[in-house]
Amino acid sequence: MALTNVLLLSQIAGYLVGLILSLCIVVPMSMHQDEFNGHCLLFSNGTWQEEDGQLLVEWANRAYCNYVIIVGMVMLIVCCVQIYRLSMLMYRGEDSTFLSAFLEAVGCTVLCGFAMSAAQIVTLGFMTWCKTIVERFPSCEAAAGQDLDHKDKISTFGFYMEIGTAQFGAWAAFATWVGLAVFSTLKVCRYHQLENIQVSMYRERQRLVNESGSPTAQDHEGRSTPPLRNA
């Protein structure tokens, strides 16, 4: 019971952290798309024009930002559901079944892959954008608030903080889901160990029953030592 409580508490804490980190992904990425007039800076580049100093942007597909937002939303929903479910189990003094623990382990592993892919997209996409920005500015952060692309009517005041927060949230979420996958796997292993113990106890009990009911055992129990004959 003590191990069960520790795993449940660890899982609830992990899902709470995952909930916060999913908001760190969804909120800034949504704000970024709104400020960039629906455009996505991930993997976008461009050419600086000498006549007006503006950046002629070659916008990348919006699917990059949309994918990151969708992954964050999925993690947000899963965390909310799991926090409620595990809290109810702990309140009732119960634990997950073997099937639910196995499905949870598989789901956490899948979300690990989604979180890692989202983190890589944000990191590599942001590096591509900053590579273009540093051609004119000393750093990518220095371009925040500058009028880079007046034609597309984008607001650059918060892009560095927003994408940086999303990048941190994505990598931290990946680490969190790895931990949740480990907790779920430990629970599955514990169920498997308990099942093996129960099977071993059942086999031992059957062996003892068979031995106690065998003719050899009855002969040993019912036969007395014959009296010695006088020579």
C-alpha atoms as a PDB file:
ATOM      1  CA  MET A   1       0.000   0.000   0.000  1.00  0.00           C
ATOM      2  CA  ALA A   2       2.898   2.367   0.769  1.00  0.00           C
ATOM      3  CA  LEU A   3       4.431   1.785  -2.670  1.00  0.00           C
ATOM      4  CA  THR A   4       1.029   2.295  -4.272  1.00  0.00           C
ATOM      5  CA  ASN A   5       0.564   5.644  -2.532  1.00  0.00           C
ATOM      6  CA  VAL A   6       4.047   6.814  -3.524  1.00  0.00           C
ATOM      7  CA  LEU A   7       3.457   5.942  -7.192  1.00  0.00           C
ATOM      8  CA  LEU A   8       0.030   7.574  -7.208  1.00  0.00           C
ATOM      9  CA  LEU A   9       1.354  10.743  -5.591  1.00  0.00           C
ATOM     10  CA  SER A  10       4.292  10.811  -8.006  1.00  0.00           C
ATOM     11  CA  GLN A  11       1.980  10.404 -10.979  1.00  0.00           C
ATOM     12  CA  ILE A  12      -0.400  13.121  -9.786  1.00  0.00           C
ATOM     13  CA  ALA A  13       2.527  15.494  -9.222  1.00  0.00           C
ATOM     14  CA  GLY A  14       3.910  14.640 -12.661  1.00  0.00           C
ATOM     15  CA  TYR A  15       0.594  15.322 -14.359  1.00  0.00           C
ATOM     16  CA  LEU A  16       0.286  18.641 -12.510  1.00  0.00           C
ATOM     17  CA  VAL A  17       3.712  19.651 -13.817  1.00  0.00           C
ATOM     18  CA  GLY A  18       2.718  18.440 -17.295  1.00  0.00           C
ATOM     19  CA  LEU A  19      -0.449  20.556 -17.106  1.00  0.00           C
ATOM     20  CA  ILE A  20       1.534  23.695 -16.337  1.00  0.00           C
ATOM     21  CA  LEU A  21       4.095  22.963 -19.054  1.00  0.00           C
ATOM     22  CA  SER A  22       1.378  22.321 -21.643  1.00  0.00           C
ATOM     23  CA  LEU A  23       0.063  25.822 -20.929  1.00  0.00           C
ATOM     24  CA  CYS A  24       3.609  27.119 -21.424  1.00  0.00           C
ATOM     25  CA  ILE A  25       3.408  25.672 -24.938  1.00  0.00           C
ATOM     26  CA  VAL A  26      -0.145  26.470 -25.993  1.00  0.00           C
ATOM     27  CA  VAL A  27      -0.483  30.031 -24.673  1.00  0.00           C
ATOM     28  CA  PRO A  28       2.724  31.609 -26.072  1.00  0.00           C
ATOM     29  CA  MET A  29       2.452  29.823 -29.414  1.00  0.00           C
ATOM     30  CA  SER A  30      -1.140  31.031 -29.821  1.00  0.00           C
ATOM     31  CA  MET A  31      -0.101  34.558 -28.864  1.00  0.00           C
ATOM     32  CA  HIS A  32       2.750  34.400 -31.372  1.00  0.00           C
ATOM     33  CA  GLN A  33       0.483  33.445 -34.259  1.00  0.00           C
ATOM     34  CA  ASP A  34      -1.957  36.180 -33.313  1.00  0.00           C
ATOM     35  CA  GLU A  35       0.795  38.838 -33.169  1.00  0.00           C
ATOM     36  CA  PHE A  36       2.323  37.608 -36.418  1.00  0.00           C
ATOM     37  CA  ASN A  37      -1.021  37.949 -38.194  1.00  0.00           C
ATOM     38  CA  GLY A  38      -1.470  34.190 -38.575  1.00  0.00           C
ATOM     39  CA  HIS A  39       2.080  33.570 -39.792  1.00  0.00           C
ATOM     40  CA  CYS A  40       4.515  31.149 -38.152  1.00  0.00           C
ATOM     41  CA  LEU A  41       8.155  32.152 -37.765  1.00  0.00           C
ATOM     42  CA  LEU A  42       9.351  28.564 -37.293  1.00  0.00           C
ATOM     43  CA  PHE A  43      11.595  27.650 -40.253  1.00  0.00           C
ATOM     44  CA  SER A  44      10.794  31.003 -41.901  1.00  0.00           C
ATOM     45  CA  ASN A  45      13.595  33.019 -43.447  1.00  0.00           C
ATOM     46  CA  GLY A  46      13.924  35.968 -45.762  1.00  0.00           C
ATOM     47  CA  THR A  47      16.061  38.599 -47.403  1.00  0.00           C
ATOM     48  CA  TRP A  48      16.890  42.036 -46.018  1.00  0.00           C
ATOM     49  CA  GLN A  49      16.080  44.809 -48.476  1.00  0.00           C
ATOM     50  CA  GLU A  50      18.631  47.585 -48.688  1.00  0.00           C
ATOM     51  CA  GLU A  51      16.264  50.327 -49.836  1.00  0.00           C
ATOM     52  CA  ASP A  52      13.969  50.307 -46.791  1.00  0.00           C
ATOM     53  CA  GLY A  53      15.661  47.927 -44.340  1.00  0.00           C
ATOM     54  CA  GLN A  54      12.620  45.674 -44.249  1.00  0.00           C
ATOM     55  CA  LEU A  55      12.733  41.893 -44.194  1.00  0.00           C
ATOM     56  CA  LEU A  56      11.156  40.186 -47.180  1.00  0.00           C
ATOM     57  CA  VAL A  57       9.968  37.095 -45.349  1.00  0.00           C
ATOM     58  CA  GLU A  58       9.495  33.706 -46.948  1.00  0.00           C
ATOM     59  CA  TRP A  59       6.980  32.328 -44.503  1.00  0.00           C
ATOM     60  CA  ALA A  60       7.095  28.643 -43.720  1.00  0.00           C
ATOM     61  CA  ASN A  61       4.026  26.447 -43.459  1.00  0.00           C
ATOM     62  CA  ARG A  62       1.728  27.255 -40.535  1.00  0.00           C
ATOM     63  CA  ALA A  63       1.529  23.534 -39.822  1.00  0.00           C
ATOM     64  CA  TYR A  64       4.700  23.769 -37.729  1.00  0.00           C
ATOM     65  CA  CYS A  65       3.096  26.096 -35.196  1.00  0.00           C
ATOM     66  CA  ASN A  66      -0.242  24.311 -35.435  1.00  0.00           C
ATOM     67  CA  TYR A  67       1.396  20.965 -34.696  1.00  0.00           C
ATOM     68  CA  VAL A  68       3.106  22.330 -31.587  1.00  0.00           C
ATOM     69  CA  ILE A  69      -0.179  23.846 -30.377  1.00  0.00           C
ATOM     70  CA  ILE A  70      -2.082  20.595 -31.006  1.00  0.00           C
ATOM     71  CA  VAL A  71       0.516  18.582 -29.093  1.00  0.00           C
ATOM     72  CA  GLY A  72       0.235  21.026 -26.205  1.00  0.00           C
ATOM     73  CA  MET A  73      -3.569  20.765 -26.243  1.00  0.00           C
ATOM     74  CA  VAL A  74      -3.447  16.960 -26.227  1.00  0.00           C
ATOM     75  CA  MET A  75      -1.077  17.004 -23.264  1.00  0.00           C
ATOM     76  CA  LEU A  76      -3.328  19.504 -21.485  1.00  0.00           C
ATOM     77  CA  ILE A  77      -6.420  17.315 -21.908  1.00  0.00           C
ATOM     78  CA  VAL A  78      -4.614  14.107 -20.913  1.00  0.00           C
ATOM     79  CA  CYS A  79      -3.171  15.744 -17.800  1.00  0.00           C
ATOM     80  CA  CYS A  80      -6.574  17.055 -16.700  1.00  0.00           C
ATOM     81  CA  VAL A  81      -8.206  13.641 -17.165  1.00  0.00           C
ATOM     82  CA  GLN A  82      -5.406  11.767 -15.405  1.00  0.00           C
ATOM     83  CA  ILE A  83      -5.274  14.162 -12.467  1.00  0.00           C
ATOM     84  CA  TYR A  84      -8.997  13.700 -11.874  1.00  0.00           C
ATOM     85  CA  ARG A  85      -8.879   9.911 -12.322  1.00  0.00           C
ATOM     86  CA  LEU A  86      -5.858   9.312 -10.078  1.00  0.00           C
ATOM     87  CA  SER A  87      -7.163  11.705  -7.439  1.00  0.00           C
ATOM     88  CA  MET A  88     -10.435   9.771  -7.285  1.00  0.00           C
ATOM     89  CA  LEU A  89      -8.540   6.483  -6.998  1.00  0.00           C
ATOM     90  CA  MET A  90      -6.481   7.820  -4.131  1.00  0.00           C
ATOM     91  CA  TYR A  91      -9.574   9.224  -2.428  1.00  0.00           C
ATOM     92  CA  ARG A  92     -11.266   5.810  -2.594  1.00  0.00           C
ATOM     93  CA  GLY A  93      -8.091   4.010  -1.518  1.00  0.00           C
ATOM     94  CA  GLU A  94      -7.936   2.066  -4.777  1.00  0.00           C
ATOM     95  CA  ASP A  95      -5.371   1.622  -7.517  1.00  0.00           C
ATOM     96  CA  SER A  96      -5.335   1.220 -11.278  1.00  0.00           C
ATOM     97  CA  THR A  97      -5.953  -2.155 -12.850  1.00  0.00           C
ATOM     98  CA  PHE A  98      -3.256  -3.936 -14.819  1.00  0.00           C
ATOM     99  CA  LEU A  99      -4.927  -3.018 -18.125  1.00  0.00           C
ATOM    100  CA  SER A 100      -5.291   0.670 -17.276  1.00  0.00           C
ATOM    101  CA  ALA A 101      -1.696   0.827 -16.020  1.00  0.00           C
ATOM    102  CA  PHE A 102      -0.459  -0.820 -19.224  1.00  0.00           C
ATOM    103  CA  LEU A 103      -2.466   1.570 -21.411  1.00  0.00           C
ATOM    104  CA  GLU A 104      -1.194   4.492 -19.361  1.00  0.00           C
ATOM    105  CA  ALA A 105       2.410   3.383 -19.888  1.00  0.00           C
ATOM    106  CA  VAL A 106       1.857   3.097 -23.638  1.00  0.00           C
ATOM    107  CA  GLY A 107       0.128   6.497 -23.767  1.00  0.00           C
ATOM    108  CA  CYS A 108       2.922   8.203 -21.830  1.00  0.00           C
ATOM    109  CA  THR A 109       5.499   6.690 -24.182  1.00  0.00           C
ATOM    110  CA  VAL A 110       3.592   7.961 -27.215  1.00  0.00           C
ATOM    111  CA  LEU A 111       3.304  11.446 -25.704  1.00  0.00           C
ATOM    112  CA  CYS A 112       7.059  11.359 -25.053  1.00  0.00           C
ATOM    113  CA  GLY A 113       7.550  11.048 -28.791  1.00  0.00           C
ATOM    114  CA  PHE A 114       5.096  13.852 -29.542  1.00  0.00           C
ATOM    115  CA  ALA A 115       6.710  16.153 -26.973  1.00  0.00           C
ATOM    116  CA  MET A 116      10.209  15.460 -28.306  1.00  0.00           C
ATOM    117  CA  SER A 117       9.145  16.123 -31.911  1.00  0.00           C
ATOM    118  CA  ALA A 118       7.420  19.372 -30.882  1.00  0.00           C
ATOM    119  CA  ALA A 119      10.517  20.477 -28.951  1.00  0.00           C
ATOM    120  CA  GLN A 120      12.763  19.763 -31.925  1.00  0.00           C
ATOM    121  CA  ILE A 121      10.453  21.653 -34.277  1.00  0.00           C
ATOM    122  CA  VAL A 122      10.433  24.720 -32.023  1.00  0.00           C
ATOM    123  CA  THR A 123      14.201  24.626 -31.467  1.00  0.00           C
ATOM    124  CA  LEU A 124      15.279  24.067 -35.074  1.00  0.00           C
ATOM    125  CA  GLY A 125      12.586  26.368 -36.458  1.00  0.00           C
ATOM    126  CA  PHE A 126      13.561  29.179 -34.108  1.00  0.00           C
ATOM    127  CA  MET A 127      17.229  28.725 -35.025  1.00  0.00           C
ATOM    128  CA  THR A 128      16.342  29.119 -38.717  1.00  0.00           C
ATOM    129  CA  TRP A 129      14.492  32.371 -38.038  1.00  0.00           C
ATOM    130  CA  CYS A 130      17.237  33.759 -35.785  1.00  0.00           C
ATOM    131  CA  LYS A 131      19.874  32.938 -38.395  1.00  0.00           C
ATOM    132  CA  THR A 132      18.162  35.429 -40.694  1.00  0.00           C
ATOM    133  CA  ILE A 133      17.636  38.005 -37.932  1.00  0.00           C
ATOM    134  CA  VAL A 134      21.310  38.130 -36.870  1.00  0.00           C
ATOM    135  CA  GLU A 135      22.272  39.213 -40.379  1.00  0.00           C
ATOM    136  CA  ARG A 136      21.002  42.676 -39.413  1.00  0.00           C
ATOM    137  CA  PHE A 137      20.877  42.653 -35.589  1.00  0.00           C
ATOM    138  CA  PRO A 138      23.563  41.641 -33.059  1.00  0.00           C
ATOM    139  CA  SER A 139      21.255  39.015 -31.557  1.00  0.00           C
ATOM    140  CA  CYS A 140      17.828  37.559 -32.131  1.00  0.00           C
ATOM    141  CA  GLU A 141      16.577  39.093 -28.899  1.00  0.00           C
ATOM    142  CA  ALA A 142      17.617  42.560 -30.068  1.00  0.00           C
ATOM    143  CA  ALA A 143      15.090  42.373 -32.904  1.00  0.00           C
ATOM    144  CA  ALA A 144      12.140  42.170 -30.491  1.00  0.00           C
ATOM    145  CA  GLY A 145       9.977  45.254 -30.894  1.00  0.00           C
ATOM    146  CA  GLN A 146      11.601  46.300 -34.177  1.00  0.00           C
ATOM    147  CA  ASP A 147       9.646  46.971 -37.352  1.00  0.00           C
ATOM    148  CA  LEU A 148      10.923  44.069 -39.413  1.00  0.00           C
ATOM    149  CA  ASP A 149       8.087  43.386 -41.829  1.00  0.00           C
ATOM    150  CA  HIS A 150       5.664  46.255 -42.113  1.00  0.00           C
ATOM    151  CA  LYS A 151       4.067  44.724 -45.208  1.00  0.00           C
ATOM    152  CA  ASP A 152       2.717  41.679 -43.364  1.00  0.00           C
ATOM    153  CA  LYS A 153       1.711  43.796 -40.333  1.00  0.00           C
ATOM    154  CA  ILE A 154       3.421  41.633 -37.742  1.00  0.00           C
ATOM    155  CA  SER A 155       4.130  42.648 -34.151  1.00  0.00           C
ATOM    156  CA  THR A 156       7.578  41.580 -32.961  1.00  0.00           C
ATOM    157  CA  PHE A 157       7.427  42.856 -29.386  1.00  0.00           C
ATOM    158  CA  GLY A 158       7.075  39.471 -27.717  1.00  0.00           C
ATOM    159  CA  PHE A 159       8.219  36.893 -30.256  1.00  0.00           C
ATOM    160  CA  TYR A 160      11.520  36.096 -28.517  1.00  0.00           C
ATOM    161  CA  MET A 161       9.939  35.573 -25.104  1.00  0.00           C
ATOM    162  CA  GLU A 162       6.993  33.632 -26.547  1.00  0.00           C
ATOM    163  CA  ILE A 163       9.006  31.196 -28.631  1.00  0.00           C
ATOM    164  CA  GLY A 164      11.594  30.849 -25.887  1.00  0.00           C
ATOM    165  CA  THR A 165       8.877  29.972 -23.378  1.00  0.00           C
ATOM    166  CA  ALA A 166       7.355  27.448 -25.785  1.00  0.00           C
ATOM    167  CA  GLN A 167      10.787  25.918 -26.357  1.00  0.00           C
ATOM    168  CA  PHE A 168      11.394  25.560 -22.625  1.00  0.00           C
ATOM    169  CA  GLY A 169       7.903  24.154 -22.087  1.00  0.00           C
ATOM    170  CA  ALA A 170       8.311  21.590 -24.863  1.00  0.00           C
ATOM    171  CA  TRP A 171      11.653  20.224 -23.639  1.00  0.00           C
ATOM    172  CA  ALA A 172      10.540  20.257 -20.002  1.00  0.00           C
ATOM    173  CA  ALA A 173       7.312  18.489 -21.011  1.00  0.00           C
ATOM    174  CA  PHE A 174       9.364  15.827 -22.773  1.00  0.00           C
ATOM    175  CA  ALA A 175      11.345  15.216 -19.577  1.00  0.00           C
ATOM    176  CA  THR A 176       8.109  15.124 -17.555  1.00  0.00           C
ATOM    177  CA  TRP A 177       6.485  12.571 -19.837  1.00  0.00           C
ATOM    178  CA  VAL A 178       9.600  10.420 -19.642  1.00  0.00           C
ATOM    179  CA  GLY A 179       9.214  10.419 -15.868  1.00  0.00           C
ATOM    180  CA  LEU A 180       5.501   9.610 -16.124  1.00  0.00           C
ATOM    181  CA  ALA A 181       6.289   6.741 -18.487  1.00  0.00           C
ATOM    182  CA  VAL A 182       8.774   5.388 -15.938  1.00  0.00           C
ATOM    183  CA  PHE A 183       6.182   5.593 -13.145  1.00  0.00           C
ATOM    184  CA  SER A 184       3.598   3.797 -15.274  1.00  0.00           C
ATOM    185  CA  THR A 185       6.104   1.114 -16.250  1.00  0.00           C
ATOM    186  CA  LEU A 186       7.011   0.574 -12.598  1.00  0.00           C
ATOM    187  CA  LYS A 187       3.336   0.055 -11.809  1.00  0.00           C
ATOM    188  CA  VAL A 188       3.002  -2.488 -14.622  1.00  0.00           C
ATOM    189  CA  CYS A 189       6.104  -4.319 -13.371  1.00  0.00           C
ATOM    190  CA  ARG A 190       4.673  -4.378  -9.850  1.00  0.00           C
ATOM    191  CA  TYR A 191       1.436  -5.893 -11.122  1.00  0.00           C
ATOM    192  CA  HIS A 192       3.431  -8.485 -13.055  1.00  0.00           C
ATOM    193  CA  GLN A 193       5.476  -9.317  -9.965  1.00  0.00           C
ATOM    194  CA  LEU A 194       2.342  -9.709  -7.842  1.00  0.00           C
ATOM    195  CA  GLU A 195       0.831 -11.978 -10.477  1.00  0.00           C
ATOM    196  CA  ASN A 196       3.950 -14.165 -10.475  1.00  0.00           C
ATOM    197  CA  ILE A 197       3.827 -14.381  -6.679  1.00  0.00           C
ATOM    198  CA  GLN A 198       0.182 -15.413  -6.760  1.00  0.00           C
ATOM    199  CA  VAL A 199       0.862 -18.069  -9.397  1.00  0.00           C
ATOM    200  CA  SER A 200       3.819 -19.411  -7.402  1.00  0.00           C
ATOM    201  CA  MET A 201       1.736 -19.561  -4.209  1.00  0.00           C
ATOM    202  CA  TYR A 202      -1.059 -21.370  -6.037  1.00  0.00           C
ATOM    203  CA  ARG A 203       1.356 -23.954  -7.457  1.00  0.00           C
ATOM    204  CA  GLU A 204       2.969 -24.488  -4.058  1.00  0.00           C
ATOM    205  CA  ARG A 205      -0.437 -24.940  -2.446  1.00  0.00           C
ATOM    206  CA  GLN A 206      -1.445 -27.467  -5.100  1.00  0.00           C
ATOM    207  CA  ARG A 207       1.793 -29.367  -4.587  1.00  0.00           C
ATOM    208  CA  LEU A 208       1.235 -29.561  -0.849  1.00  0.00           C
ATOM    209  CA  VAL A 209      -2.356 -30.720  -1.361  1.00  0.00           C
ATOM    210  CA  ASN A 210      -1.236 -33.398  -3.797  1.00  0.00           C
ATOM    211  CA  GLU A 211       1.497 -34.601  -1.488  1.00  0.00           C
ATOM    212  CA  SER A 212      -0.831 -34.764   1.515  1.00  0.00           C
ATOM    213  CA  GLY A 213      -3.380 -36.768  -0.486  1.00  0.00           C
ATOM    214  CA  SER A 214      -0.941 -39.219  -2.083  1.00  0.00           C
ATOM    215  CA  PRO A 215      -0.939 -42.961  -1.015  1.00  0.00           C
ATOM    216  CA  THR A 216       2.688 -42.760   0.082  1.00  0.00           C
ATOM    217  CA  ALA A 217       1.919 -39.945   2.496  1.00  0.00           C
ATOM    218  CA  GLN A 218      -1.160 -41.792   3.870  1.00  0.00           C
ATOM    219  CA  ASP A 219       0.881 -44.998   4.307  1.00  0.00           C
ATOM    220  CA  HIS A 220       3.516 -43.131   6.294  1.00  0.00           C
ATOM    221  CA  GLU A 221       0.884 -41.452   8.470  1.00  0.00           C
ATOM    222  CA  GLY A 222      -1.267 -44.609   9.174  1.00  0.00           C
ATOM    223  CA  ARG A 223       1.416 -47.300   9.621  1.00  0.00           C
ATOM    224  CA  SER A 224       2.892 -47.949  13.079  1.00  0.00           C
ATOM    225  CA  THR A 225       6.197 -49.604  13.933  1.00  0.00           C
ATOM    226  CA  PRO A 226       5.752 -53.412  14.296  1.00  0.00           C
ATOM    227  CA  PRO A 227       6.683 -54.984  17.690  1.00  0.00           C
ATOM    228  CA  LEU A 228      10.018 -56.660  18.011  1.00  0.00           C
ATOM    229  CA  ARG A 229      10.023 -60.494  18.129  1.00  0.00           C
ATOM    230  CA  ASN A 230      11.916 -62.339  20.847  1.00  0.00           C
ATOM    231  CA  ALA A 231      14.722 -64.445  19.547  1.00  0.00           C
END
